[in-house]
PDB file of all heavy atoms in Angstrom:
ATOM      1  N   GLU A   1       4.473  39.697  -0.951  1.00  0.00           N
ATOM      2  CA  GLU A   1       3.493  38.566  -1.089  1.00  0.00           C
ATOM      3  C   GLU A   1       3.289  37.815   0.200  1.00  0.00           C
ATOM      4  O   GLU A   1       2.188  37.392   0.533  1.00  0.00           O
ATOM      5  CB  GLU A   1       4.067  37.584  -2.186  1.00  0.00           C
ATOM      6  CG  GLU A   1       3.947  38.125  -3.536  1.00  0.00           C
ATOM      7  CD  GLU A   1       4.529  37.148  -4.556  1.00  0.00           C
ATOM      8  OE1 GLU A   1       4.566  35.937  -4.361  1.00  0.00           O
ATOM      9  OE2 GLU A   1       5.002  37.523  -5.652  1.00  0.00           O
ATOM     10  N   LEU A   2       4.403  37.670   0.981  1.00  0.00           N
ATOM     11  CA  LEU A   2       4.212  37.003   2.303  1.00  0.00           C
ATOM     12  C   LEU A   2       3.316  37.847   3.252  1.00  0.00           C
ATOM     13  O   LEU A   2       2.486  37.312   3.932  1.00  0.00           O
ATOM     14  CB  LEU A   2       5.597  36.818   2.940  1.00  0.00           C
ATOM     15  CG  LEU A   2       6.426  35.643   2.342  1.00  0.00           C
ATOM     16  CD1 LEU A   2       7.813  35.639   2.992  1.00  0.00           C
ATOM     17  CD2 LEU A   2       5.718  34.305   2.618  1.00  0.00           C
ATOM     18  N   ILE A   3       3.521  39.128   3.239  1.00  0.00           N
ATOM     19  CA  ILE A   3       2.694  40.010   4.057  1.00  0.00           C
ATOM     20  C   ILE A   3       1.224  39.925   3.657  1.00  0.00           C
ATOM     21  O   ILE A   3       0.367  39.901   4.449  1.00  0.00           O
ATOM     22  CB  ILE A   3       3.256  41.518   3.969  1.00  0.00           C
ATOM     23  CG1 ILE A   3       4.603  41.535   4.619  1.00  0.00           C
ATOM     24  CG2 ILE A   3       2.239  42.405   4.590  1.00  0.00           C
ATOM     25  CD1 ILE A   3       5.297  42.912   4.434  1.00  0.00           C
ATOM     26  N   ALA A   4       1.021  39.824   2.350  1.00  0.00           N
ATOM     27  CA  ALA A   4      -0.354  39.723   1.864  1.00  0.00           C
ATOM     28  C   ALA A   4      -1.008  38.405   2.309  1.00  0.00           C
ATOM     29  O   ALA A   4      -2.256  38.335   2.399  1.00  0.00           O
ATOM     30  CB  ALA A   4      -0.379  39.810   0.342  1.00  0.00           C
ATOM     31  N   GLU A   5      -0.212  37.362   2.501  1.00  0.00           N
ATOM     32  CA  GLU A   5      -0.771  36.025   2.960  1.00  0.00           C
ATOM     33  C   GLU A   5      -1.037  35.910   4.447  1.00  0.00           C
ATOM     34  O   GLU A   5      -1.736  35.011   4.875  1.00  0.00           O
ATOM     35  CB  GLU A   5       0.205  34.956   2.513  1.00  0.00           C
ATOM     36  CG  GLU A   5       0.347  34.710   1.017  1.00  0.00           C
ATOM     37  CD  GLU A   5      -0.993  34.284   0.381  1.00  0.00           C
ATOM     38  OE1 GLU A   5      -1.604  33.435   0.987  1.00  0.00           O
ATOM     39  OE2 GLU A   5      -1.314  34.796  -0.752  1.00  0.00           O
ATOM     40  N   LEU A   6      -0.483  36.843   5.232  1.00  0.00           N
ATOM     41  CA  LEU A   6      -0.668  36.773   6.695  1.00  0.00           C
ATOM     42  C   LEU A   6      -2.091  36.642   7.136  1.00  0.00           C
ATOM     43  O   LEU A   6      -2.461  35.850   8.001  1.00  0.00           O
ATOM     44  CB  LEU A   6       0.102  37.899   7.345  1.00  0.00           C
ATOM     45  CG  LEU A   6       1.551  37.755   7.476  1.00  0.00           C
ATOM     46  CD1 LEU A   6       2.218  38.971   8.104  1.00  0.00           C
ATOM     47  CD2 LEU A   6       1.937  36.537   8.281  1.00  0.00           C
ATOM     48  N   PRO A   7      -3.046  37.467   6.610  1.00  0.00           N
ATOM     49  CA  PRO A   7      -4.457  37.364   7.043  1.00  0.00           C
ATOM     50  C   PRO A   7      -5.026  36.000   6.831  1.00  0.00           C
ATOM     51  O   PRO A   7      -5.750  35.490   7.617  1.00  0.00           O
ATOM     52  CB  PRO A   7      -5.179  38.473   6.260  1.00  0.00           C
ATOM     53  CG  PRO A   7      -4.120  39.413   5.900  1.00  0.00           C
ATOM     54  CD  PRO A   7      -2.863  38.647   5.736  1.00  0.00           C
ATOM     55  N   LYS A   8      -4.693  35.365   5.653  1.00  0.00           N
ATOM     56  CA  LYS A   8      -5.196  33.987   5.382  1.00  0.00           C
ATOM     57  C   LYS A   8      -4.602  33.062   6.413  1.00  0.00           C
ATOM     58  O   LYS A   8      -5.270  32.143   6.864  1.00  0.00           O
ATOM     59  CB  LYS A   8      -4.812  33.641   3.936  1.00  0.00           C
ATOM     60  CG  LYS A   8      -5.462  34.358   2.856  1.00  0.00           C
ATOM     61  CD  LYS A   8      -5.009  33.978   1.521  1.00  0.00           C
ATOM     62  CE  LYS A   8      -5.554  34.972   0.472  1.00  0.00           C
ATOM     63  NZ  LYS A   8      -4.946  34.651  -0.871  1.00  0.00           N
ATOM     64  N   VAL A   9      -3.330  33.264   6.710  1.00  0.00           N
ATOM     65  CA  VAL A   9      -2.664  32.287   7.741  1.00  0.00           C
ATOM     66  C   VAL A   9      -3.363  32.520   9.034  1.00  0.00           C
ATOM     67  O   VAL A   9      -3.644  31.506   9.790  1.00  0.00           O
ATOM     68  CB  VAL A   9      -1.191  32.665   7.757  1.00  0.00           C
ATOM     69  CG1 VAL A   9      -0.510  31.866   8.976  1.00  0.00           C
ATOM     70  CG2 VAL A   9      -0.483  32.256   6.535  1.00  0.00           C
ATOM     71  N   MET A  10      -3.740  33.737   9.415  1.00  0.00           N
ATOM     72  CA  MET A  10      -4.394  33.996  10.678  1.00  0.00           C
ATOM     73  C   MET A  10      -5.822  33.285  10.694  1.00  0.00           C
ATOM     74  O   MET A  10      -6.174  32.748  11.704  1.00  0.00           O
ATOM     75  CB  MET A  10      -4.557  35.539  10.912  1.00  0.00           C
ATOM     76  CG  MET A  10      -3.277  36.175  11.278  1.00  0.00           C
ATOM     77  SD  MET A  10      -3.346  37.964  11.407  1.00  0.00           S
ATOM     78  CE  MET A  10      -4.478  38.145  12.731  1.00  0.00           C
ATOM     79  N   LEU A  11      -6.495  33.402   9.603  1.00  0.00           N
ATOM     80  CA  LEU A  11      -7.826  32.694   9.532  1.00  0.00           C
ATOM     81  C   LEU A  11      -7.618  31.174   9.635  1.00  0.00           C
ATOM     82  O   LEU A  11      -8.426  30.489  10.329  1.00  0.00           O
ATOM     83  CB  LEU A  11      -8.547  33.055   8.211  1.00  0.00           C
ATOM     84  CG  LEU A  11      -9.118  34.450   8.173  1.00  0.00           C
ATOM     85  CD1 LEU A  11      -9.661  34.694   6.760  1.00  0.00           C
ATOM     86  CD2 LEU A  11     -10.250  34.499   9.182  1.00  0.00           C
ATOM     87  N   ALA A  12      -6.610  30.613   8.944  1.00  0.00           N
ATOM     88  CA  ALA A  12      -6.395  29.214   9.111  1.00  0.00           C
ATOM     89  C   ALA A  12      -5.991  28.843  10.491  1.00  0.00           C
ATOM     90  O   ALA A  12      -6.467  27.767  11.035  1.00  0.00           O
ATOM     91  CB  ALA A  12      -5.246  28.779   8.085  1.00  0.00           C
ATOM     92  N   MET A  13      -5.240  29.611  11.153  1.00  0.00           N
ATOM     93  CA  MET A  13      -4.903  29.322  12.535  1.00  0.00           C
ATOM     94  C   MET A  13      -6.118  29.423  13.449  1.00  0.00           C
ATOM     95  O   MET A  13      -6.301  28.584  14.357  1.00  0.00           O
ATOM     96  CB  MET A  13      -3.801  30.321  13.026  1.00  0.00           C
ATOM     97  CG  MET A  13      -2.461  29.980  12.473  1.00  0.00           C
ATOM     98  SD  MET A  13      -1.180  31.227  12.993  1.00  0.00           S
ATOM     99  CE  MET A  13      -1.186  30.946  14.776  1.00  0.00           C
ATOM    100  N   ALA A  14      -6.987  30.374  13.211  1.00  0.00           N
ATOM    101  CA  ALA A  14      -8.188  30.517  13.977  1.00  0.00           C
ATOM    102  C   ALA A  14      -9.018  29.191  13.806  1.00  0.00           C
ATOM    103  O   ALA A  14      -9.624  28.677  14.793  1.00  0.00           O
ATOM    104  CB  ALA A  14      -8.994  31.685  13.609  1.00  0.00           C
ATOM    105  N   ASP A  15      -9.162  28.717  12.598  1.00  0.00           N
ATOM    106  CA  ASP A  15      -9.889  27.499  12.339  1.00  0.00           C
ATOM    107  C   ASP A  15      -9.241  26.280  13.075  1.00  0.00           C
ATOM    108  O   ASP A  15      -9.881  25.416  13.640  1.00  0.00           O
ATOM    109  CB  ASP A  15     -10.027  27.163  10.843  1.00  0.00           C
ATOM    110  CG  ASP A  15     -10.903  28.123  10.133  1.00  0.00           C
ATOM    111  OD1 ASP A  15     -11.811  28.746  10.843  1.00  0.00           O
ATOM    112  OD2 ASP A  15     -10.763  28.257   8.883  1.00  0.00           O
ATOM    113  N   MET A  16      -7.899  26.215  13.017  1.00  0.00           N
ATOM    114  CA  MET A  16      -7.172  25.137  13.722  1.00  0.00           C
ATOM    115  C   MET A  16      -7.411  25.193  15.262  1.00  0.00           C
ATOM    116  O   MET A  16      -7.641  24.220  15.902  1.00  0.00           O
ATOM    117  CB  MET A  16      -5.739  25.136  13.406  1.00  0.00           C
ATOM    118  CG  MET A  16      -5.389  24.718  11.997  1.00  0.00           C
ATOM    119  SD  MET A  16      -3.631  24.473  11.659  1.00  0.00           S
ATOM    120  CE  MET A  16      -3.019  26.111  11.899  1.00  0.00           C
ATOM    121  N   ILE A  17      -7.387  26.411  15.744  1.00  0.00           N
ATOM    122  CA  ILE A  17      -7.596  26.565  17.168  1.00  0.00           C
ATOM    123  C   ILE A  17      -9.070  26.119  17.552  1.00  0.00           C
ATOM    124  O   ILE A  17      -9.256  25.452  18.566  1.00  0.00           O
ATOM    125  CB  ILE A  17      -7.408  27.979  17.638  1.00  0.00           C
ATOM    126  CG1 ILE A  17      -5.907  28.331  17.589  1.00  0.00           C
ATOM    127  CG2 ILE A  17      -7.921  28.300  19.012  1.00  0.00           C
ATOM    128  CD1 ILE A  17      -5.573  29.832  17.756  1.00  0.00           C
ATOM    129  N   GLU A  18      -9.974  26.445  16.691  1.00  0.00           N
ATOM    130  CA  GLU A  18     -11.365  26.060  16.939  1.00  0.00           C
ATOM    131  C   GLU A  18     -11.473  24.518  16.911  1.00  0.00           C
ATOM    132  O   GLU A  18     -12.171  23.933  17.765  1.00  0.00           O
ATOM    133  CB  GLU A  18     -12.308  26.753  15.944  1.00  0.00           C
ATOM    134  CG  GLU A  18     -13.767  26.534  16.274  1.00  0.00           C
ATOM    135  CD  GLU A  18     -14.664  27.386  15.340  1.00  0.00           C
ATOM    136  OE1 GLU A  18     -14.143  27.962  14.383  1.00  0.00           O
ATOM    137  OE2 GLU A  18     -15.865  27.413  15.596  1.00  0.00           O
ATOM    138  N   ARG A  19     -10.858  23.867  15.947  1.00  0.00           N
ATOM    139  CA  ARG A  19     -10.918  22.402  15.877  1.00  0.00           C
ATOM    140  C   ARG A  19     -10.293  21.766  17.039  1.00  0.00           C
ATOM    141  O   ARG A  19     -10.750  20.846  17.633  1.00  0.00           O
ATOM    142  CB  ARG A  19     -10.297  21.984  14.583  1.00  0.00           C
ATOM    143  CG  ARG A  19     -11.120  22.139  13.353  1.00  0.00           C
ATOM    144  CD  ARG A  19     -10.634  21.384  12.161  1.00  0.00           C
ATOM    145  NE  ARG A  19      -9.276  21.596  11.816  1.00  0.00           N
ATOM    146  CZ  ARG A  19      -8.816  22.379  10.864  1.00  0.00           C
ATOM    147  NH1 ARG A  19      -9.704  23.016  10.113  1.00  0.00           N
ATOM    148  NH2 ARG A  19      -7.550  22.525  10.637  1.00  0.00           N
ATOM    149  N   ALA A  20      -9.141  22.299  17.485  1.00  0.00           N
ATOM    150  CA  ALA A  20      -8.398  21.807  18.642  1.00  0.00           C
ATOM    151  C   ALA A  20      -9.252  21.946  19.883  1.00  0.00           C
ATOM    152  O   ALA A  20      -9.353  21.074  20.687  1.00  0.00           O
ATOM    153  CB  ALA A  20      -7.104  22.536  18.863  1.00  0.00           C
ATOM    154  N   ASN A  21     -10.028  23.091  20.023  1.00  0.00           N
ATOM    155  CA  ASN A  21     -10.897  23.273  21.126  1.00  0.00           C
ATOM    156  C   ASN A  21     -12.054  22.306  21.118  1.00  0.00           C
ATOM    157  O   ASN A  21     -12.373  21.778  22.164  1.00  0.00           O
ATOM    158  CB  ASN A  21     -11.492  24.753  21.051  1.00  0.00           C
ATOM    159  CG  ASN A  21     -12.277  25.100  22.282  1.00  0.00           C
ATOM    160  OD1 ASN A  21     -11.910  24.659  23.372  1.00  0.00           O
ATOM    161  ND2 ASN A  21     -13.265  25.828  22.100  1.00  0.00           N
ATOM    162  N   ASN A  22     -12.554  21.943  19.962  1.00  0.00           N
ATOM    163  CA  ASN A  22     -13.603  20.949  19.886  1.00  0.00           C
ATOM    164  C   ASN A  22     -13.014  19.572  20.317  1.00  0.00           C
ATOM    165  O   ASN A  22     -13.777  18.848  21.009  1.00  0.00           O
ATOM    166  CB  ASN A  22     -14.118  20.815  18.442  1.00  0.00           C
ATOM    167  CG  ASN A  22     -14.963  22.051  18.006  1.00  0.00           C
ATOM    168  OD1 ASN A  22     -15.465  22.804  18.948  1.00  0.00           O
ATOM    169  ND2 ASN A  22     -15.075  22.327  16.796  1.00  0.00           N
ATOM    170  N   VAL A  23     -11.817  19.260  19.925  1.00  0.00           N
ATOM    171  CA  VAL A  23     -11.248  17.997  20.324  1.00  0.00           C
ATOM    172  C   VAL A  23     -11.061  17.969  21.869  1.00  0.00           C
ATOM    173  O   VAL A  23     -11.356  16.919  22.501  1.00  0.00           O
ATOM    174  CB  VAL A  23      -9.936  17.753  19.580  1.00  0.00           C
ATOM    175  CG1 VAL A  23      -9.172  16.610  20.237  1.00  0.00           C
ATOM    176  CG2 VAL A  23     -10.110  17.495  18.185  1.00  0.00           C
ATOM    177  N   ILE A  24     -10.604  19.074  22.419  1.00  0.00           N
ATOM    178  CA  ILE A  24     -10.387  19.125  23.909  1.00  0.00           C
ATOM    179  C   ILE A  24     -11.742  18.950  24.569  1.00  0.00           C
ATOM    180  O   ILE A  24     -11.810  18.288  25.574  1.00  0.00           O
ATOM    181  CB  ILE A  24      -9.726  20.493  24.229  1.00  0.00           C
ATOM    182  CG1 ILE A  24      -8.278  20.519  23.742  1.00  0.00           C
ATOM    183  CG2 ILE A  24      -9.827  20.709  25.757  1.00  0.00           C
ATOM    184  CD1 ILE A  24      -7.612  21.817  23.816  1.00  0.00           C
ATOM    185  N   ASP A  25     -12.777  19.605  24.046  1.00  0.00           N
ATOM    186  CA  ASP A  25     -14.098  19.445  24.646  1.00  0.00           C
ATOM    187  C   ASP A  25     -14.510  17.974  24.636  1.00  0.00           C
ATOM    188  O   ASP A  25     -15.095  17.450  25.680  1.00  0.00           O
ATOM    189  CB  ASP A  25     -15.181  20.306  23.946  1.00  0.00           C
ATOM    190  CG  ASP A  25     -14.933  21.791  24.225  1.00  0.00           C
ATOM    191  OD1 ASP A  25     -14.337  22.104  25.205  1.00  0.00           O
ATOM    192  OD2 ASP A  25     -15.560  22.547  23.430  1.00  0.00           O
ATOM    193  N   ARG A  26     -14.316  17.241  23.541  1.00  0.00           N
ATOM    194  CA  ARG A  26     -14.696  15.853  23.372  1.00  0.00           C
ATOM    195  C   ARG A  26     -13.897  15.024  24.459  1.00  0.00           C
ATOM    196  O   ARG A  26     -14.471  14.175  25.029  1.00  0.00           O
ATOM    197  CB  ARG A  26     -14.441  15.335  21.944  1.00  0.00           C
ATOM    198  CG  ARG A  26     -15.609  15.550  21.088  1.00  0.00           C
ATOM    199  CD  ARG A  26     -15.414  14.844  19.829  1.00  0.00           C
ATOM    200  NE  ARG A  26     -15.331  15.859  18.744  1.00  0.00           N
ATOM    201  CZ  ARG A  26     -14.473  15.926  17.768  1.00  0.00           C
ATOM    202  NH1 ARG A  26     -13.597  14.974  17.660  1.00  0.00           N
ATOM    203  NH2 ARG A  26     -14.441  16.893  16.951  1.00  0.00           N
TER     204      ARG A  26
END
């Protein structure tokens, strides 16, 4: 089950990185 959740975690991390990048740009 944990292995099955890894892609979702990766997508969530990608979203967080994108939000952090937007904050850094601001």
